Amino acid sequence: LFGMLITECQAIVYVVTGMYGEPSDLGMGICLLIIIQLLCAGLIVLLLDELLQKGYGLGSGISLFIATNICETIVWKAFSPATINTGKGTEFEGAVIALFHLLATRTDKVRGLR
């Protein structure tokens, strides 16, 4: 319970201090969504830590941080909205977003899947 309180305070401070952009530029809705996302991520990390302390995981708390970093990389590479300028034009970095974008924009759908 105390861990969730700390996570909530840290999420609010991150958003209010402009870690993800000026709150006035982002708007109240986006700021609230970022806080909720940080709270959910904090809850997942706390639950994983509890599992490791109870003996259901392999290794120590360092394994938790390694697993969290790997999960973050996988999710970012799948859903990243950032664009990259390649030789073929601008493409999305995230695999899932790039797939739907190419299927929507290419006339040859089979080539869009490759």
C-alpha atoms as a PDB file:
ATOM      1  CA  LEU A   1       0.000   0.000   0.000  1.00  0.00           C
ATOM      2  CA  PHE A   2       2.829   2.373   0.855  1.00  0.00           C
ATOM      3  CA  GLY A   3       4.585   1.430  -2.387  1.00  0.00           C
ATOM      4  CA  MET A   4       1.514   2.430  -4.392  1.00  0.00           C
ATOM      5  CA  LEU A   5       1.353   5.758  -2.550  1.00  0.00           C
ATOM      6  CA  ILE A   6       4.975   6.458  -3.439  1.00  0.00           C
ATOM      7  CA  THR A   7       4.325   5.408  -7.049  1.00  0.00           C
ATOM      8  CA  GLU A   8       1.296   7.714  -7.241  1.00  0.00           C
ATOM      9  CA  CYS A   9       3.240  10.682  -5.832  1.00  0.00           C
ATOM     10  CA  GLN A  10       6.155  10.051  -8.179  1.00  0.00           C
ATOM     11  CA  ALA A  11       3.850   9.806 -11.211  1.00  0.00           C
ATOM     12  CA  ILE A  12       2.170  13.098 -10.326  1.00  0.00           C
ATOM     13  CA  VAL A  13       5.505  14.836  -9.755  1.00  0.00           C
ATOM     14  CA  TYR A  14       6.883  13.536 -13.077  1.00  0.00           C
ATOM     15  CA  VAL A  15       3.918  14.919 -15.018  1.00  0.00           C
ATOM     16  CA  VAL A  16       3.631  18.229 -13.128  1.00  0.00           C
ATOM     17  CA  THR A  17       7.351  19.044 -13.423  1.00  0.00           C
ATOM     18  CA  GLY A  18       7.273  18.598 -17.194  1.00  0.00           C
ATOM     19  CA  MET A  19       9.124  15.305 -17.572  1.00  0.00           C
ATOM     20  CA  TYR A  20       6.859  14.356 -20.496  1.00  0.00           C
ATOM     21  CA  GLY A  21       6.269  17.882 -21.795  1.00  0.00           C
ATOM     22  CA  GLU A  22       4.681  20.997 -20.414  1.00  0.00           C
ATOM     23  CA  PRO A  23       1.372  20.111 -18.735  1.00  0.00           C
ATOM     24  CA  SER A  24      -0.263  23.189 -20.277  1.00  0.00           C
ATOM     25  CA  ASP A  25       0.718  21.952 -23.755  1.00  0.00           C
ATOM     26  CA  LEU A  26      -0.355  18.357 -23.089  1.00  0.00           C
ATOM     27  CA  GLY A  27      -3.754  19.143 -21.625  1.00  0.00           C
ATOM     28  CA  MET A  28      -5.516  17.684 -18.617  1.00  0.00           C
ATOM     29  CA  GLY A  29      -6.661  14.492 -20.374  1.00  0.00           C
ATOM     30  CA  ILE A  30      -3.212  13.487 -21.610  1.00  0.00           C
ATOM     31  CA  CYS A  31      -1.653  14.287 -18.230  1.00  0.00           C
ATOM     32  CA  LEU A  32      -4.228  12.072 -16.532  1.00  0.00           C
ATOM     33  CA  LEU A  33      -3.567   9.244 -19.008  1.00  0.00           C
ATOM     34  CA  ILE A  34       0.190   9.465 -18.374  1.00  0.00           C
ATOM     35  CA  ILE A  35      -0.366   9.329 -14.616  1.00  0.00           C
ATOM     36  CA  ILE A  36      -2.650   6.286 -14.991  1.00  0.00           C
ATOM     37  CA  GLN A  37      -0.081   4.581 -17.223  1.00  0.00           C
ATOM     38  CA  LEU A  38       2.687   5.202 -14.695  1.00  0.00           C
ATOM     39  CA  LEU A  39       0.469   3.904 -11.882  1.00  0.00           C
ATOM     40  CA  CYS A  40      -0.287   0.700 -13.806  1.00  0.00           C
ATOM     41  CA  ALA A  41       3.385   0.162 -14.590  1.00  0.00           C
ATOM     42  CA  GLY A  42       4.274   0.734 -10.940  1.00  0.00           C
ATOM     43  CA  LEU A  43       1.616  -1.756  -9.838  1.00  0.00           C
ATOM     44  CA  ILE A  44       3.006  -4.390 -12.204  1.00  0.00           C
ATOM     45  CA  VAL A  45       6.539  -3.868 -10.897  1.00  0.00           C
ATOM     46  CA  LEU A  46       5.299  -4.106  -7.292  1.00  0.00           C
ATOM     47  CA  LEU A  47       3.426  -7.339  -8.049  1.00  0.00           C
ATOM     48  CA  LEU A  48       6.471  -8.820  -9.765  1.00  0.00           C
ATOM     49  CA  ASP A  49       8.587  -7.867  -6.751  1.00  0.00           C
ATOM     50  CA  GLU A  50       6.110  -9.622  -4.450  1.00  0.00           C
ATOM     51  CA  LEU A  51       6.349 -12.758  -6.584  1.00  0.00           C
ATOM     52  CA  LEU A  52      10.132 -12.714  -6.369  1.00  0.00           C
ATOM     53  CA  GLN A  53      10.069 -12.234  -2.593  1.00  0.00           C
ATOM     54  CA  LYS A  54       7.674 -15.168  -2.149  1.00  0.00           C
ATOM     55  CA  GLY A  55      10.035 -17.442  -4.067  1.00  0.00           C
ATOM     56  CA  TYR A  56       8.013 -17.834  -7.260  1.00  0.00           C
ATOM     57  CA  GLY A  57      10.714 -16.342  -9.458  1.00  0.00           C
ATOM     58  CA  LEU A  58      14.281 -17.085 -10.313  1.00  0.00           C
ATOM     59  CA  GLY A  59      17.063 -14.968  -8.939  1.00  0.00           C
ATOM     60  CA  SER A  60      16.880 -11.730  -7.033  1.00  0.00           C
ATOM     61  CA  GLY A  61      15.447  -8.244  -7.428  1.00  0.00           C
ATOM     62  CA  ILE A  62      18.023  -7.512 -10.113  1.00  0.00           C
ATOM     63  CA  SER A  63      16.244 -10.045 -12.310  1.00  0.00           C
ATOM     64  CA  LEU A  64      13.086  -7.990 -11.850  1.00  0.00           C
ATOM     65  CA  PHE A  65      14.729  -4.870 -13.243  1.00  0.00           C
ATOM     66  CA  ILE A  66      16.240  -6.803 -16.133  1.00  0.00           C
ATOM     67  CA  ALA A  67      12.850  -8.336 -16.962  1.00  0.00           C
ATOM     68  CA  THR A  68      11.162  -4.923 -16.688  1.00  0.00           C
ATOM     69  CA  ASN A  69      13.696  -3.399 -19.081  1.00  0.00           C
ATOM     70  CA  ILE A  70      13.234  -6.227 -21.577  1.00  0.00           C
ATOM     71  CA  CYS A  71       9.428  -5.882 -21.414  1.00  0.00           C
ATOM     72  CA  GLU A  72       9.716  -2.127 -21.960  1.00  0.00           C
ATOM     73  CA  THR A  73      11.892  -2.668 -25.029  1.00  0.00           C
ATOM     74  CA  ILE A  74       9.489  -5.223 -26.502  1.00  0.00           C
ATOM     75  CA  VAL A  75       6.433  -3.008 -25.983  1.00  0.00           C
ATOM     76  CA  TRP A  76       8.230   0.069 -27.351  1.00  0.00           C
ATOM     77  CA  LYS A  77       9.454  -1.758 -30.454  1.00  0.00           C
ATOM     78  CA  ALA A  78       5.929  -3.043 -31.068  1.00  0.00           C
ATOM     79  CA  PHE A  79       3.879   0.112 -30.492  1.00  0.00           C
ATOM     80  CA  SER A  80       6.259   3.069 -30.931  1.00  0.00           C
ATOM     81  CA  PRO A  81       4.637   5.969 -32.812  1.00  0.00           C
ATOM     82  CA  ALA A  82       8.040   7.512 -33.610  1.00  0.00           C
ATOM     83  CA  THR A  83       8.890   7.836 -37.293  1.00  0.00           C
ATOM     84  CA  ILE A  84      12.148   6.968 -39.027  1.00  0.00           C
ATOM     85  CA  ASN A  85      13.247   8.361 -42.372  1.00  0.00           C
ATOM     86  CA  THR A  86      14.443   5.381 -44.401  1.00  0.00           C
ATOM     87  CA  GLY A  87      15.499   5.183 -48.013  1.00  0.00           C
ATOM     88  CA  LYS A  88      11.952   4.124 -48.937  1.00  0.00           C
ATOM     89  CA  GLY A  89      10.368   7.062 -47.123  1.00  0.00           C
ATOM     90  CA  THR A  90       9.115   7.746 -43.620  1.00  0.00           C
ATOM     91  CA  GLU A  91       8.124   4.652 -41.641  1.00  0.00           C
ATOM     92  CA  PHE A  92       6.928   4.053 -38.103  1.00  0.00           C
ATOM     93  CA  GLU A  93       9.358   2.496 -35.629  1.00  0.00           C
ATOM     94  CA  GLY A  94       6.729   0.328 -33.922  1.00  0.00           C
ATOM     95  CA  ALA A  95       6.081  -2.938 -35.738  1.00  0.00           C
ATOM     96  CA  VAL A  96       2.324  -3.095 -35.105  1.00  0.00           C
ATOM     97  CA  ILE A  97       1.732   0.543 -36.053  1.00  0.00           C
ATOM     98  CA  ALA A  98       3.956   0.172 -39.122  1.00  0.00           C
ATOM     99  CA  LEU A  99       2.010  -2.917 -40.211  1.00  0.00           C
ATOM    100  CA  PHE A 100      -1.356  -1.175 -40.099  1.00  0.00           C
ATOM    101  CA  HIS A 101       0.061   1.986 -41.674  1.00  0.00           C
ATOM    102  CA  LEU A 102       1.593   0.072 -44.583  1.00  0.00           C
ATOM    103  CA  LEU A 103      -1.571  -1.974 -45.100  1.00  0.00           C
ATOM    104  CA  ALA A 104      -3.615   1.229 -45.200  1.00  0.00           C
ATOM    105  CA  THR A 105      -1.307   3.209 -47.485  1.00  0.00           C
ATOM    106  CA  ARG A 106       0.126   0.665 -49.925  1.00  0.00           C
ATOM    107  CA  THR A 107      -1.873  -0.361 -52.950  1.00  0.00           C
ATOM    108  CA  ASP A 108      -0.072  -3.716 -53.077  1.00  0.00           C
ATOM    109  CA  LYS A 109      -1.133  -5.281 -49.763  1.00  0.00           C
ATOM    110  CA  VAL A 110       1.223  -8.282 -50.069  1.00  0.00           C
ATOM    111  CA  ARG A 111       4.183  -5.932 -50.440  1.00  0.00           C
ATOM    112  CA  GLY A 112       2.929  -3.976 -47.427  1.00  0.00           C
ATOM    113  CA  LEU A 113       3.113  -7.159 -45.352  1.00  0.00           C
ATOM    114  CA  ARG A 114       6.762  -7.683 -46.232  1.00  0.00           C
END
